[in-house]
Each structure stands twice: as structure tokens, then as C-alpha cells.
PDB file of N, CA and C in Angstrom:
ATOM      1  N   MET A   1    -114.620-128.709  85.926  1.00  0.00           N
ATOM      2  CA  MET A   1    -116.049-128.422  86.356  1.00  0.00           C
ATOM      3  C   MET A   1    -115.776-127.648  87.548  1.00  0.00           C
ATOM      4  N   PRO A   2    -116.316-126.302  87.978  1.00  0.00           N
ATOM      5  CA  PRO A   2    -116.443-125.487  88.956  1.00  0.00           C
ATOM      6  C   PRO A   2    -117.139-126.238  89.930  1.00  0.00           C
ATOM      7  N   PRO A   3    -116.549-125.936  91.537  1.00  0.00           N
ATOM      8  CA  PRO A   3    -117.205-126.587  92.787  1.00  0.00           C
ATOM      9  C   PRO A   3    -118.787-126.023  92.595  1.00  0.00           C
ATOM     10  N   VAL A   4    -119.708-126.783  93.095  1.00  0.00           N
ATOM     11  CA  VAL A   4    -120.746-126.341  93.475  1.00  0.00           C
ATOM     12  C   VAL A   4    -120.873-125.758  94.475  1.00  0.00           C
ATOM     13  N   LEU A   5    -121.530-124.568  94.771  1.00  0.00           N
ATOM     14  CA  LEU A   5    -121.581-123.479  96.026  1.00  0.00           C
ATOM     15  C   LEU A   5    -122.962-123.728  96.586  1.00  0.00           C
ATOM     16  N   PRO A   6    -123.244-123.710  97.880  1.00  0.00           N
ATOM     17  CA  PRO A   6    -124.641-123.664  98.262  1.00  0.00           C
ATOM     18  C   PRO A   6    -125.428-122.336  98.035  1.00  0.00           C
ATOM     19  N   PRO A   7    -126.387-122.272  97.646  1.00  0.00           N
ATOM     20  CA  PRO A   7    -127.063-121.023  98.004  1.00  0.00           C
ATOM     21  C   PRO A   7    -126.906-120.108  98.666  1.00  0.00           C
ATOM     22  N   SER A   8    -126.728-118.834  98.592  1.00  0.00           N
ATOM     23  CA  SER A   8    -126.025-117.795 100.064  1.00  0.00           C
ATOM     24  C   SER A   8    -127.370-117.611 100.931  1.00  0.00           C
ATOM     25  N   GLY A   9    -126.726-117.583 102.212  1.00  0.00           N
ATOM     26  CA  GLY A   9    -127.764-117.719 103.303  1.00  0.00           C
ATOM     27  C   GLY A   9    -127.719-118.869 103.820  1.00  0.00           C
ATOM     28  N   THR A  10    -127.092-120.118 103.392  1.00  0.00           N
ATOM     29  CA  THR A  10    -127.118-121.406 103.871  1.00  0.00           C
ATOM     30  C   THR A  10    -125.986-121.794 104.263  1.00  0.00           C
ATOM     31  N   GLU A  11    -125.483-122.770 105.123  1.00  0.00           N
ATOM     32  CA  GLU A  11    -124.366-122.923 105.250  1.00  0.00           C
ATOM     33  C   GLU A  11    -123.791-124.360 104.756  1.00  0.00           C
ATOM     34  N   PRO A  12    -122.720-124.641 104.185  1.00  0.00           N
ATOM     35  CA  PRO A  12    -122.573-125.879 103.678  1.00  0.00           C
ATOM     36  C   PRO A  12    -122.391-126.938 104.284  1.00  0.00           C
ATOM     37  N   PRO A  13    -122.739-128.126 103.517  1.00  0.00           N
ATOM     38  CA  PRO A  13    -123.011-129.282 104.412  1.00  0.00           C
ATOM     39  C   PRO A  13    -122.249-130.054 105.002  1.00  0.00           C
ATOM     40  N   ALA A  14    -122.368-130.550 106.529  1.00  0.00           N
ATOM     41  CA  ALA A  14    -121.352-130.890 107.451  1.00  0.00           C
ATOM     42  C   ALA A  14    -120.961-132.266 106.966  1.00  0.00           C
ATOM     43  N   LEU A  15    -119.480-132.609 107.226  1.00  0.00           N
ATOM     44  CA  LEU A  15    -118.716-133.742 107.099  1.00  0.00           C
ATOM     45  C   LEU A  15    -119.912-134.839 107.545  1.00  0.00           C
ATOM     46  N   PRO A  16    -119.883-136.228 107.177  1.00  0.00           N
ATOM     47  CA  PRO A  16    -120.324-137.202 107.934  1.00  0.00           C
ATOM     48  C   PRO A  16    -119.692-137.669 108.964  1.00  0.00           C
ATOM     49  N   SER A  17    -120.328-138.312 109.933  1.00  0.00           N
ATOM     50  CA  SER A  17    -119.334-138.429 111.013  1.00  0.00           C
ATOM     51  C   SER A  17    -118.190-139.205 110.962  1.00  0.00           C
ATOM     52  N   SER A  18    -118.299-140.411 110.079  1.00  0.00           N
ATOM     53  CA  SER A  18    -117.457-141.364 109.804  1.00  0.00           C
ATOM     54  C   SER A  18    -116.498-140.453 108.861  1.00  0.00           C
ATOM     55  N   ARG A  19    -116.471-139.841 107.967  1.00  0.00           N
ATOM     56  CA  ARG A  19    -115.522-139.034 107.352  1.00  0.00           C
ATOM     57  C   ARG A  19    -114.597-138.060 108.404  1.00  0.00           C
ATOM     58  N   ALA A  20    -115.426-137.373 109.183  1.00  0.00           N
ATOM     59  CA  ALA A  20    -114.565-136.927 109.854  1.00  0.00           C
ATOM     60  C   ALA A  20    -113.856-137.225 111.150  1.00  0.00           C
ATOM     61  N   LEU A  21    -114.194-138.729 111.398  1.00  0.00           N
ATOM     62  CA  LEU A  21    -113.504-139.583 112.322  1.00  0.00           C
ATOM     63  C   LEU A  21    -112.558-139.952 111.633  1.00  0.00           C
ATOM     64  N   TYR A  22    -112.387-140.180 110.116  1.00  0.00           N
ATOM     65  CA  TYR A  22    -111.296-140.833 109.324  1.00  0.00           C
ATOM     66  C   TYR A  22    -110.120-139.520 109.277  1.00  0.00           C
ATOM     67  N   ILE A  23    -110.759-138.306 109.148  1.00  0.00           N
ATOM     68  CA  ILE A  23    -109.808-137.114 109.091  1.00  0.00           C
ATOM     69  C   ILE A  23    -108.903-136.844 110.600  1.00  0.00           C
ATOM     70  N   ALA A  24    -109.892-137.234 111.680  1.00  0.00           N
ATOM     71  CA  ALA A  24    -109.302-136.911 113.056  1.00  0.00           C
ATOM     72  C   ALA A  24    -108.080-138.051 113.036  1.00  0.00           C
ATOM     73  N   MET A  25    -108.462-139.058 112.724  1.00  0.00           N
ATOM     74  CA  MET A  25    -107.404-140.318 112.740  1.00  0.00           C
ATOM     75  C   MET A  25    -106.463-139.991 111.972  1.00  0.00           C
ATOM     76  N   GLU A  26    -106.361-140.013 110.665  1.00  0.00           N
ATOM     77  CA  GLU A  26    -105.332-139.399 109.801  1.00  0.00           C
ATOM     78  C   GLU A  26    -104.422-138.093 110.577  1.00  0.00           C
ATOM     79  N   ALA A  27    -105.492-137.358 110.877  1.00  0.00           N
ATOM     80  CA  ALA A  27    -104.123-136.277 111.694  1.00  0.00           C
ATOM     81  C   ALA A  27    -103.451-136.558 112.931  1.00  0.00           C
ATOM     82  N   LEU A  28    -104.148-137.336 113.691  1.00  0.00           N
ATOM     83  CA  LEU A  28    -103.463-137.789 115.085  1.00  0.00           C
ATOM     84  C   LEU A  28    -102.122-138.659 114.387  1.00  0.00           C
ATOM     85  N   ILE A  29    -102.639-139.671 113.433  1.00  0.00           N
ATOM     86  CA  ILE A  29    -101.200-140.313 112.901  1.00  0.00           C
ATOM     87  C   ILE A  29    -100.463-139.682 112.538  1.00  0.00           C
ATOM     88  N   ALA A  30    -100.459-138.472 111.649  1.00  0.00           N
ATOM     89  CA  ALA A  30     -99.562-137.447 110.938  1.00  0.00           C
ATOM     90  C   ALA A  30     -98.664-136.840 112.295  1.00  0.00           C
ATOM     91  N   VAL A  31     -99.414-136.285 113.169  1.00  0.00           N
ATOM     92  CA  VAL A  31     -98.580-135.449 114.077  1.00  0.00           C
ATOM     93  C   VAL A  31     -97.878-136.585 114.893  1.00  0.00           C
ATOM     94  N   SER A  32     -98.312-137.828 115.117  1.00  0.00           N
ATOM     95  CA  SER A  32     -97.362-138.541 115.813  1.00  0.00           C
ATOM     96  C   SER A  32     -96.191-139.087 115.347  1.00  0.00           C
ATOM     97  N   SER A  33     -96.727-139.270 113.899  1.00  0.00           N
ATOM     98  CA  SER A  33     -95.276-139.859 113.209  1.00  0.00           C
ATOM     99  C   SER A  33     -94.365-138.599 112.906  1.00  0.00           C
ATOM    100  N   VAL A  34     -94.736-137.539 112.820  1.00  0.00           N
ATOM    101  CA  VAL A  34     -93.714-136.178 112.603  1.00  0.00           C
ATOM    102  C   VAL A  34     -92.899-136.130 114.148  1.00  0.00           C
ATOM    103  N   ILE A  35     -93.602-136.351 115.027  1.00  0.00           N
ATOM    104  CA  ILE A  35     -92.765-136.200 116.510  1.00  0.00           C
ATOM    105  C   ILE A  35     -92.121-137.314 116.937  1.00  0.00           C
ATOM    106  N   GLY A  36     -92.310-138.514 116.508  1.00  0.00           N
ATOM    107  CA  GLY A  36     -91.666-139.516 116.895  1.00  0.00           C
ATOM    108  C   GLY A  36     -90.507-139.649 115.912  1.00  0.00           C
ATOM    109  N   ASN A  37     -90.392-139.318 114.654  1.00  0.00           N
ATOM    110  CA  ASN A  37     -89.525-139.835 113.878  1.00  0.00           C
ATOM    111  C   ASN A  37     -88.634-138.416 114.075  1.00  0.00           C
ATOM    112  N   VAL A  38     -89.269-137.400 114.353  1.00  0.00           N
ATOM    113  CA  VAL A  38     -88.212-136.201 114.514  1.00  0.00           C
ATOM    114  C   VAL A  38     -87.431-136.613 115.852  1.00  0.00           C
ATOM    115  N   MET A  39     -87.877-136.880 116.876  1.00  0.00           N
ATOM    116  CA  MET A  39     -87.254-137.649 118.086  1.00  0.00           C
ATOM    117  C   MET A  39     -86.121-138.876 117.646  1.00  0.00           C
ATOM    118  N   VAL A  40     -86.140-139.413 116.789  1.00  0.00           N
ATOM    119  CA  VAL A  40     -85.407-140.791 116.466  1.00  0.00           C
ATOM    120  C   VAL A  40     -84.138-140.064 115.607  1.00  0.00           C
ATOM    121  N   VAL A  41     -84.499-138.884 114.817  1.00  0.00           N
ATOM    122  CA  VAL A  41     -83.358-138.283 114.280  1.00  0.00           C
ATOM    123  C   VAL A  41     -82.447-137.496 115.095  1.00  0.00           C
ATOM    124  N   TRP A  42     -83.229-137.022 115.989  1.00  0.00           N
ATOM    125  CA  TRP A  42     -82.401-136.027 117.256  1.00  0.00           C
ATOM    126  C   TRP A  42     -81.617-136.661 118.081  1.00  0.00           C
ATOM    127  N   ALA A  43     -82.139-138.024 118.262  1.00  0.00           N
ATOM    128  CA  ALA A  43     -81.306-139.008 119.192  1.00  0.00           C
ATOM    129  C   ALA A  43     -80.303-139.635 118.313  1.00  0.00           C
ATOM    130  N   VAL A  44     -80.185-139.817 117.199  1.00  0.00           N
ATOM    131  CA  VAL A  44     -79.257-140.281 116.510  1.00  0.00           C
ATOM    132  C   VAL A  44     -78.156-139.164 116.421  1.00  0.00           C
ATOM    133  N   ARG A  45     -78.537-137.840 116.320  1.00  0.00           N
ATOM    134  CA  ARG A  45     -77.982-136.802 116.034  1.00  0.00           C
ATOM    135  C   ARG A  45     -77.079-136.629 117.507  1.00  0.00           C
ATOM    136  N   ILE A  46     -77.531-136.300 118.768  1.00  0.00           N
ATOM    137  CA  ILE A  46     -76.825-136.153 119.679  1.00  0.00           C
ATOM    138  C   ILE A  46     -75.815-137.185 120.323  1.00  0.00           C
ATOM    139  N   ASN A  47     -76.288-138.623 120.105  1.00  0.00           N
ATOM    140  CA  ASN A  47     -75.712-139.578 120.673  1.00  0.00           C
ATOM    141  C   ASN A  47     -74.679-140.553 119.545  1.00  0.00           C
ATOM    142  N   ARG A  48     -73.184-139.988 120.011  1.00  0.00           N
ATOM    143  CA  ARG A  48     -72.237-140.243 119.079  1.00  0.00           C
ATOM    144  C   ARG A  48     -72.118-141.894 118.878  1.00  0.00           C
ATOM    145  N   SER A  49     -72.338-142.697 119.857  1.00  0.00           N
ATOM    146  CA  SER A  49     -72.525-144.015 119.765  1.00  0.00           C
ATOM    147  C   SER A  49     -73.616-144.944 118.546  1.00  0.00           C
ATOM    148  N   LEU A  50     -74.481-143.858 118.259  1.00  0.00           N
ATOM    149  CA  LEU A  50     -75.274-144.436 117.329  1.00  0.00           C
ATOM    150  C   LEU A  50     -75.041-143.951 115.855  1.00  0.00           C
ATOM    151  N   ARG A  51     -73.896-143.583 115.593  1.00  0.00           N
ATOM    152  CA  ARG A  51     -73.603-143.211 114.405  1.00  0.00           C
ATOM    153  C   ARG A  51     -72.952-144.091 113.488  1.00  0.00           C
ATOM    154  N   ASP A  52     -73.251-144.972 113.204  1.00  0.00           N
ATOM    155  CA  ASP A  52     -72.815-146.149 112.521  1.00  0.00           C
ATOM    156  C   ASP A  52     -73.686-146.281 111.302  1.00  0.00           C
ATOM    157  N   PRO A  53     -73.136-147.177 110.180  1.00  0.00           N
ATOM    158  CA  PRO A  53     -74.190-147.283 109.285  1.00  0.00           C
ATOM    159  C   PRO A  53     -75.816-147.714 108.938  1.00  0.00           C
ATOM    160  N   THR A  54     -75.972-148.639 110.213  1.00  0.00           N
ATOM    161  CA  THR A  54     -77.050-149.264 110.540  1.00  0.00           C
ATOM    162  C   THR A  54     -77.962-147.920 111.066  1.00  0.00           C
ATOM    163  N   PHE A  55     -77.655-147.240 111.820  1.00  0.00           N
ATOM    164  CA  PHE A  55     -78.072-146.149 112.402  1.00  0.00           C
ATOM    165  C   PHE A  55     -78.470-145.008 111.053  1.00  0.00           C
ATOM    166  N   CYS A  56     -77.966-145.034 110.222  1.00  0.00           N
ATOM    167  CA  CYS A  56     -78.007-143.925 109.137  1.00  0.00           C
ATOM    168  C   CYS A  56     -79.157-144.673 108.088  1.00  0.00           C
ATOM    169  N   PHE A  57     -79.089-145.830 108.034  1.00  0.00           N
ATOM    170  CA  PHE A  57     -80.581-146.380 107.468  1.00  0.00           C
ATOM    171  C   PHE A  57     -81.897-145.952 108.490  1.00  0.00           C
ATOM    172  N   ILE A  58     -81.564-145.990 109.429  1.00  0.00           N
ATOM    173  CA  ILE A  58     -82.870-145.780 110.306  1.00  0.00           C
ATOM    174  C   ILE A  58     -83.211-143.819 110.061  1.00  0.00           C
ATOM    175  N   VAL A  59     -82.006-143.368 110.388  1.00  0.00           N
ATOM    176  CA  VAL A  59     -82.295-141.972 110.239  1.00  0.00           C
ATOM    177  C   VAL A  59     -82.838-141.614 108.548  1.00  0.00           C
ATOM    178  N   SER A  60     -82.766-142.677 107.743  1.00  0.00           N
ATOM    179  CA  SER A  60     -83.284-142.155 106.264  1.00  0.00           C
ATOM    180  C   SER A  60     -84.675-142.579 106.445  1.00  0.00           C
ATOM    181  N   LEU A  61     -84.854-143.778 107.089  1.00  0.00           N
ATOM    182  CA  LEU A  61     -86.201-144.278 107.145  1.00  0.00           C
ATOM    183  C   LEU A  61     -87.128-143.441 108.062  1.00  0.00           C
ATOM    184  N   ALA A  62     -86.613-142.731 109.091  1.00  0.00           N
ATOM    185  CA  ALA A  62     -87.217-141.797 109.868  1.00  0.00           C
ATOM    186  C   ALA A  62     -87.614-140.326 108.957  1.00  0.00           C
ATOM    187  N   SER A  63     -86.429-139.925 108.427  1.00  0.00           N
ATOM    188  CA  SER A  63     -86.535-139.110 107.427  1.00  0.00           C
ATOM    189  C   SER A  63     -87.713-138.992 106.388  1.00  0.00           C
ATOM    190  N   ALA A  64     -87.808-140.432 105.997  1.00  0.00           N
ATOM    191  CA  ALA A  64     -88.762-140.669 104.828  1.00  0.00           C
ATOM    192  C   ALA A  64     -90.379-140.710 105.656  1.00  0.00           C
ATOM    193  N   ASP A  65     -90.298-141.278 107.021  1.00  0.00           N
ATOM    194  CA  ASP A  65     -91.707-141.187 107.498  1.00  0.00           C
ATOM    195  C   ASP A  65     -92.223-139.574 108.038  1.00  0.00           C
ATOM    196  N   ILE A  66     -91.173-138.867 108.044  1.00  0.00           N
ATOM    197  CA  ILE A  66     -91.482-137.357 108.538  1.00  0.00           C
ATOM    198  C   ILE A  66     -91.997-136.898 107.095  1.00  0.00           C
ATOM    199  N   ALA A  67     -91.893-137.460 106.305  1.00  0.00           N
ATOM    200  CA  ALA A  67     -92.231-136.691 104.902  1.00  0.00           C
ATOM    201  C   ALA A  67     -93.662-137.054 104.913  1.00  0.00           C
ATOM    202  N   VAL A  68     -93.966-138.487 105.027  1.00  0.00           N
ATOM    203  CA  VAL A  68     -95.069-139.147 104.965  1.00  0.00           C
ATOM    204  C   VAL A  68     -95.910-138.385 105.930  1.00  0.00           C
ATOM    205  N   GLY A  69     -95.797-138.199 107.160  1.00  0.00           N
ATOM    206  CA  GLY A  69     -96.506-137.717 107.963  1.00  0.00           C
ATOM    207  C   GLY A  69     -96.614-136.329 107.710  1.00  0.00           C
ATOM    208  N   ALA A  70     -95.741-135.216 107.075  1.00  0.00           N
ATOM    209  CA  ALA A  70     -95.876-133.976 107.106  1.00  0.00           C
ATOM    210  C   ALA A  70     -96.746-133.693 105.624  1.00  0.00           C
ATOM    211  N   LEU A  71     -96.470-134.318 104.773  1.00  0.00           N
ATOM    212  CA  LEU A  71     -97.053-134.163 103.440  1.00  0.00           C
ATOM    213  C   LEU A  71     -98.123-135.248 102.684  1.00  0.00           C
ATOM    214  N   VAL A  72     -97.659-136.509 102.755  1.00  0.00           N
ATOM    215  CA  VAL A  72     -98.559-137.676 102.438  1.00  0.00           C
ATOM    216  C   VAL A  72     -99.827-137.569 102.975  1.00  0.00           C
ATOM    217  N   ILE A  73     -99.802-137.653 104.205  1.00  0.00           N
ATOM    218  CA  ILE A  73    -101.463-137.449 104.892  1.00  0.00           C
ATOM    219  C   ILE A  73    -102.124-136.382 104.712  1.00  0.00           C
ATOM    220  N   PRO A  74    -101.764-135.402 104.778  1.00  0.00           N
ATOM    221  CA  PRO A  74    -102.479-134.191 104.454  1.00  0.00           C
ATOM    222  C   PRO A  74    -102.990-134.331 103.006  1.00  0.00           C
ATOM    223  N   LEU A  75    -101.982-134.664 101.898  1.00  0.00           N
ATOM    224  CA  LEU A  75    -102.440-135.022 100.863  1.00  0.00           C
ATOM    225  C   LEU A  75    -103.691-135.944 100.806  1.00  0.00           C
ATOM    226  N   ALA A  76    -103.667-136.891 101.296  1.00  0.00           N
ATOM    227  CA  ALA A  76    -104.474-138.184 100.963  1.00  0.00           C
ATOM    228  C   ALA A  76    -105.889-137.727 101.915  1.00  0.00           C
ATOM    229  N   ILE A  77    -105.774-136.660 102.798  1.00  0.00           N
ATOM    230  CA  ILE A  77    -106.850-135.927 103.578  1.00  0.00           C
ATOM    231  C   ILE A  77    -107.615-135.210 102.516  1.00  0.00           C
ATOM    232  N   THR A  78    -106.884-134.448 101.698  1.00  0.00           N
ATOM    233  CA  THR A  78    -107.123-133.613 100.495  1.00  0.00           C
ATOM    234  C   THR A  78    -108.086-134.384  99.555  1.00  0.00           C
ATOM    235  N   ILE A  79    -106.971-135.493  99.170  1.00  0.00           N
ATOM    236  CA  ILE A  79    -107.950-136.438  98.103  1.00  0.00           C
ATOM    237  C   ILE A  79    -109.305-137.004  98.631  1.00  0.00           C
ATOM    238  N   SER A  80    -109.410-137.215  99.845  1.00  0.00           N
ATOM    239  CA  SER A  80    -110.354-138.061 100.370  1.00  0.00           C
ATOM    240  C   SER A  80    -111.712-136.944 100.588  1.00  0.00           C
ATOM    241  N   ILE A  81    -111.194-135.611 100.420  1.00  0.00           N
ATOM    242  CA  ILE A  81    -112.209-135.029 100.915  1.00  0.00           C
ATOM    243  C   ILE A  81    -113.381-134.477  99.619  1.00  0.00           C
ATOM    244  N   GLY A  82    -112.601-134.886  98.258  1.00  0.00           N
ATOM    245  CA  GLY A  82    -112.790-134.825  97.047  1.00  0.00           C
ATOM    246  C   GLY A  82    -112.635-133.323  96.475  1.00  0.00           C
ATOM    247  N   LEU A  83    -111.352-132.648  96.831  1.00  0.00           N
ATOM    248  CA  LEU A  83    -111.208-131.313  96.524  1.00  0.00           C
ATOM    249  C   LEU A  83    -111.048-131.399  94.871  1.00  0.00           C
ATOM    250  N   GLN A  84    -111.766-130.656  94.262  1.00  0.00           N
ATOM    251  CA  GLN A  84    -111.877-130.554  92.735  1.00  0.00           C
ATOM    252  C   GLN A  84    -110.627-129.710  92.445  1.00  0.00           C
ATOM    253  N   THR A  85    -109.731-130.366  91.523  1.00  0.00           N
ATOM    254  CA  THR A  85    -108.402-129.669  91.094  1.00  0.00           C
ATOM    255  C   THR A  85    -108.124-129.988  89.462  1.00  0.00           C
ATOM    256  N   HIS A  86    -107.315-129.107  89.067  1.00  0.00           N
ATOM    257  CA  HIS A  86    -107.105-129.289  87.595  1.00  0.00           C
ATOM    258  C   HIS A  86    -106.152-131.016  87.282  1.00  0.00           C
ATOM    259  N   PHE A  87    -106.166-131.235  86.215  1.00  0.00           N
ATOM    260  CA  PHE A  87    -105.415-132.808  86.096  1.00  0.00           C
ATOM    261  C   PHE A  87    -103.956-132.646  86.547  1.00  0.00           C
ATOM    262  N   TYR A  88    -103.239-131.635  86.211  1.00  0.00           N
ATOM    263  CA  TYR A  88    -101.932-131.573  86.641  1.00  0.00           C
ATOM    264  C   TYR A  88    -101.790-131.636  87.897  1.00  0.00           C
ATOM    265  N   SER A  89    -102.472-130.939  88.823  1.00  0.00           N
ATOM    266  CA  SER A  89    -102.048-130.690  90.165  1.00  0.00           C
ATOM    267  C   SER A  89    -102.774-132.039  90.666  1.00  0.00           C
ATOM    268  N   CYS A  90    -103.621-132.698  90.349  1.00  0.00           N
ATOM    269  CA  CYS A  90    -104.089-133.977  90.691  1.00  0.00           C
ATOM    270  C   CYS A  90    -102.673-134.935  90.546  1.00  0.00           C
ATOM    271  N   LEU A  91    -102.245-135.021  89.102  1.00  0.00           N
ATOM    272  CA  LEU A  91    -101.198-135.575  89.072  1.00  0.00           C
ATOM    273  C   LEU A  91    -100.021-135.499  89.948  1.00  0.00           C
ATOM    274  N   LEU A  92     -99.692-134.189  90.220  1.00  0.00           N
ATOM    275  CA  LEU A  92     -98.444-133.831  91.082  1.00  0.00           C
ATOM    276  C   LEU A  92     -98.785-134.579  92.472  1.00  0.00           C
ATOM    277  N   VAL A  93    -100.016-134.217  92.835  1.00  0.00           N
ATOM    278  CA  VAL A  93    -100.493-134.828  94.167  1.00  0.00           C
ATOM    279  C   VAL A  93    -100.275-136.441  94.664  1.00  0.00           C
ATOM    280  N   ALA A  94    -100.640-137.166  93.336  1.00  0.00           N
ATOM    281  CA  ALA A  94    -100.826-138.451  93.297  1.00  0.00           C
ATOM    282  C   ALA A  94     -99.169-139.027  93.025  1.00  0.00           C
ATOM    283  N   CYS A  95     -98.584-138.406  92.640  1.00  0.00           N
ATOM    284  CA  CYS A  95     -96.933-138.663  92.432  1.00  0.00           C
ATOM    285  C   CYS A  95     -96.549-138.620  93.652  1.00  0.00           C
ATOM    286  N   THR A  96     -96.686-137.264  94.311  1.00  0.00           N
ATOM    287  CA  THR A  96     -96.079-137.255  95.319  1.00  0.00           C
ATOM    288  C   THR A  96     -96.489-137.871  96.617  1.00  0.00           C
ATOM    289  N   VAL A  97     -97.810-138.539  96.504  1.00  0.00           N
ATOM    290  CA  VAL A  97     -98.139-139.539  97.592  1.00  0.00           C
ATOM    291  C   VAL A  97     -97.266-140.754  97.327  1.00  0.00           C
ATOM    292  N   LEU A  98     -97.090-141.147  96.111  1.00  0.00           N
ATOM    293  CA  LEU A  98     -96.475-142.273  95.601  1.00  0.00           C
ATOM    294  C   LEU A  98     -94.973-142.403  95.920  1.00  0.00           C
ATOM    295  N   VAL A  99     -94.366-141.481  95.725  1.00  0.00           N
ATOM    296  CA  VAL A  99     -93.011-141.338  95.386  1.00  0.00           C
ATOM    297  C   VAL A  99     -92.307-141.409  97.191  1.00  0.00           C
ATOM    298  N   LEU A 100     -93.094-140.586  97.767  1.00  0.00           N
ATOM    299  CA  LEU A 100     -92.845-140.394  99.323  1.00  0.00           C
ATOM    300  C   LEU A 100     -93.057-141.628 100.380  1.00  0.00           C
ATOM    301  N   THR A 101     -93.989-142.320  99.742  1.00  0.00           N
ATOM    302  CA  THR A 101     -94.347-143.755 100.185  1.00  0.00           C
ATOM    303  C   THR A 101     -93.338-144.609  99.965  1.00  0.00           C
ATOM    304  N   GLN A 102     -92.920-144.788  98.490  1.00  0.00           N
ATOM    305  CA  GLN A 102     -92.008-145.723  98.390  1.00  0.00           C
ATOM    306  C   GLN A 102     -91.027-145.789  98.692  1.00  0.00           C
ATOM    307  N   SER A 103     -90.423-144.285  98.893  1.00  0.00           N
ATOM    308  CA  SER A 103     -89.161-144.031  99.672  1.00  0.00           C
ATOM    309  C   SER A 103     -89.106-144.420 101.287  1.00  0.00           C
ATOM    310  N   SER A 104     -90.194-144.644 101.815  1.00  0.00           N
ATOM    311  CA  SER A 104     -90.022-145.367 103.100  1.00  0.00           C
ATOM    312  C   SER A 104     -89.992-146.698 102.818  1.00  0.00           C
ATOM    313  N   ILE A 105     -90.878-147.178 102.227  1.00  0.00           N
ATOM    314  CA  ILE A 105     -90.603-148.724 101.702  1.00  0.00           C
ATOM    315  C   ILE A 105     -89.329-149.004 101.488  1.00  0.00           C
ATOM    316  N   LEU A 106     -88.691-148.409 100.776  1.00  0.00           N
ATOM    317  CA  LEU A 106     -87.360-148.773  99.903  1.00  0.00           C
ATOM    318  C   LEU A 106     -86.330-148.463 101.225  1.00  0.00           C
ATOM    319  N   ALA A 107     -86.671-147.562 102.152  1.00  0.00           N
ATOM    320  CA  ALA A 107     -85.619-147.369 103.476  1.00  0.00           C
ATOM    321  C   ALA A 107     -86.009-148.582 104.325  1.00  0.00           C
ATOM    322  N   LEU A 108     -87.089-149.228 104.300  1.00  0.00           N
ATOM    323  CA  LEU A 108     -87.194-150.695 105.143  1.00  0.00           C
ATOM    324  C   LEU A 108     -86.445-151.488 104.367  1.00  0.00           C
ATOM    325  N   LEU A 109     -86.536-151.744 103.348  1.00  0.00           N
ATOM    326  CA  LEU A 109     -85.926-152.768 102.848  1.00  0.00           C
ATOM    327  C   LEU A 109     -84.455-152.593 102.983  1.00  0.00           C
ATOM    328  N   ALA A 110     -83.777-151.497 102.781  1.00  0.00           N
ATOM    329  CA  ALA A 110     -82.375-151.358 103.065  1.00  0.00           C
ATOM    330  C   ALA A 110     -82.046-151.854 104.438  1.00  0.00           C
ATOM    331  N   ILE A 111     -82.913-151.423 105.332  1.00  0.00           N
ATOM    332  CA  ILE A 111     -82.487-152.062 106.836  1.00  0.00           C
ATOM    333  C   ILE A 111     -82.444-153.281 106.897  1.00  0.00           C
ATOM    334  N   ALA A 112     -83.519-154.051 106.164  1.00  0.00           N
ATOM    335  CA  ALA A 112     -83.414-155.476 106.050  1.00  0.00           C
ATOM    336  C   ALA A 112     -82.403-156.005 105.256  1.00  0.00           C
ATOM    337  N   MET A 113     -81.800-155.449 104.343  1.00  0.00           N
ATOM    338  CA  MET A 113     -80.787-155.892 103.493  1.00  0.00           C
ATOM    339  C   MET A 113     -79.768-155.756 104.483  1.00  0.00           C
ATOM    340  N   ASP A 114     -79.553-154.830 105.117  1.00  0.00           N
ATOM    341  CA  ASP A 114     -78.511-154.610 106.098  1.00  0.00           C
ATOM    342  C   ASP A 114     -78.375-155.411 107.224  1.00  0.00           C
ATOM    343  N   ARG A 115     -79.231-155.530 107.682  1.00  0.00           N
ATOM    344  CA  ARG A 115     -79.479-156.365 109.039  1.00  0.00           C
ATOM    345  C   ARG A 115     -79.103-158.091 108.411  1.00  0.00           C
ATOM    346  N   TYR A 116     -79.670-158.845 107.241  1.00  0.00           N
ATOM    347  CA  TYR A 116     -79.257-159.754 106.568  1.00  0.00           C
ATOM    348  C   TYR A 116     -77.721-159.964 106.580  1.00  0.00           C
ATOM    349  N   LEU A 117     -77.305-158.862 105.776  1.00  0.00           N
ATOM    350  CA  LEU A 117     -75.776-158.958 105.741  1.00  0.00           C
ATOM    351  C   LEU A 117     -75.282-159.069 106.898  1.00  0.00           C
ATOM    352  N   ARG A 118     -75.377-158.339 108.058  1.00  0.00           N
ATOM    353  CA  ARG A 118     -74.776-158.404 109.147  1.00  0.00           C
ATOM    354  C   ARG A 118     -74.708-159.707 109.918  1.00  0.00           C
ATOM    355  N   VAL A 119     -75.756-160.458 109.610  1.00  0.00           N
ATOM    356  CA  VAL A 119     -75.944-161.824 110.129  1.00  0.00           C
ATOM    357  C   VAL A 119     -75.393-162.860 109.199  1.00  0.00           C
ATOM    358  N   LYS A 120     -75.550-162.774 108.113  1.00  0.00           N
ATOM    359  CA  LYS A 120     -75.035-163.584 107.140  1.00  0.00           C
ATOM    360  C   LYS A 120     -73.358-163.282 106.633  1.00  0.00           C
ATOM    361  N   ILE A 121     -72.848-162.428 107.031  1.00  0.00           N
ATOM    362  CA  ILE A 121     -71.260-161.931 106.878  1.00  0.00           C
ATOM    363  C   ILE A 121     -71.116-161.449 108.103  1.00  0.00           C
ATOM    364  N   PRO A 122     -70.767-161.947 109.287  1.00  0.00           N
ATOM    365  CA  PRO A 122     -70.366-161.275 110.602  1.00  0.00           C
ATOM    366  C   PRO A 122     -69.175-160.727 110.552  1.00  0.00           C
ATOM    367  N   MET A 123     -68.634-159.547 111.063  1.00  0.00           N
ATOM    368  CA  MET A 123     -67.312-159.123 111.240  1.00  0.00           C
ATOM    369  C   MET A 123     -66.421-159.025 110.237  1.00  0.00           C
ATOM    370  N   ARG A 124     -66.788-158.673 108.876  1.00  0.00           N
ATOM    371  CA  ARG A 124     -65.911-159.014 107.718  1.00  0.00           C
ATOM    372  C   ARG A 124     -65.528-157.596 107.123  1.00  0.00           C
TER     373      ARG A 124
END
């Protein structure tokens, strides 16, 4: 179904204030997520004392969160706006959102397992 265009000479309808606030907050979260996680990766890259397996898991989580901030949040904003797309492009967007979000969750699981094993089996 093609998008409905307003008659010529009229402006498109404005976003409701709640939706504009949602988009602004999502954009702020995305930018701060990307900047913060880039600093984490950069700190581990610069500091040689942070190059052990635990920090590799943290860099993995930071990388996943960079992808969430740079790709998933803008795609979520696009979905919330209600952009009309074809079925397969909508499926691609939804799968991208799910895969990248789950990669972040699995990185958290890996960190939790690493910490558990470090406590359970110390110095082995």
C-alpha cells in the first residue's frame, strides 16, 4: 500500500509531543551508548594490563552495544514512526534488531559465566 501523501500546498502532520520526546530520548541513548562503548574499547586497546580474557568479554559486550546503539536504536525509531516497507525489508529490520540485541545479552551471559568460574575455580 503506497504512503498517503497530503494534498499539495499543505504541510505534513507534525509528530505528537510524546513521540518526539521518545525519538529524542532514543537518539540520546544511542549516541551516549556508542560514545561510552567506544571509550571502553579504546581503553582496553591502549592499556596492556587490561588484556586478559575477562576484558576480552567486556570488549565483546562493548562491541555488541556499539552495534545496538548505531543500528538497532535507529531501526527501532524507524519502526516506531510507522514507515511503510515491503515484507522482506521489514523482516530484515526485525531480524537485525533481534540478533544484535541477543548478541549483547549473550555477551553479558559470557561475562557472568566467566566471573562465576573465576570464583568457583580460583587460580586453576
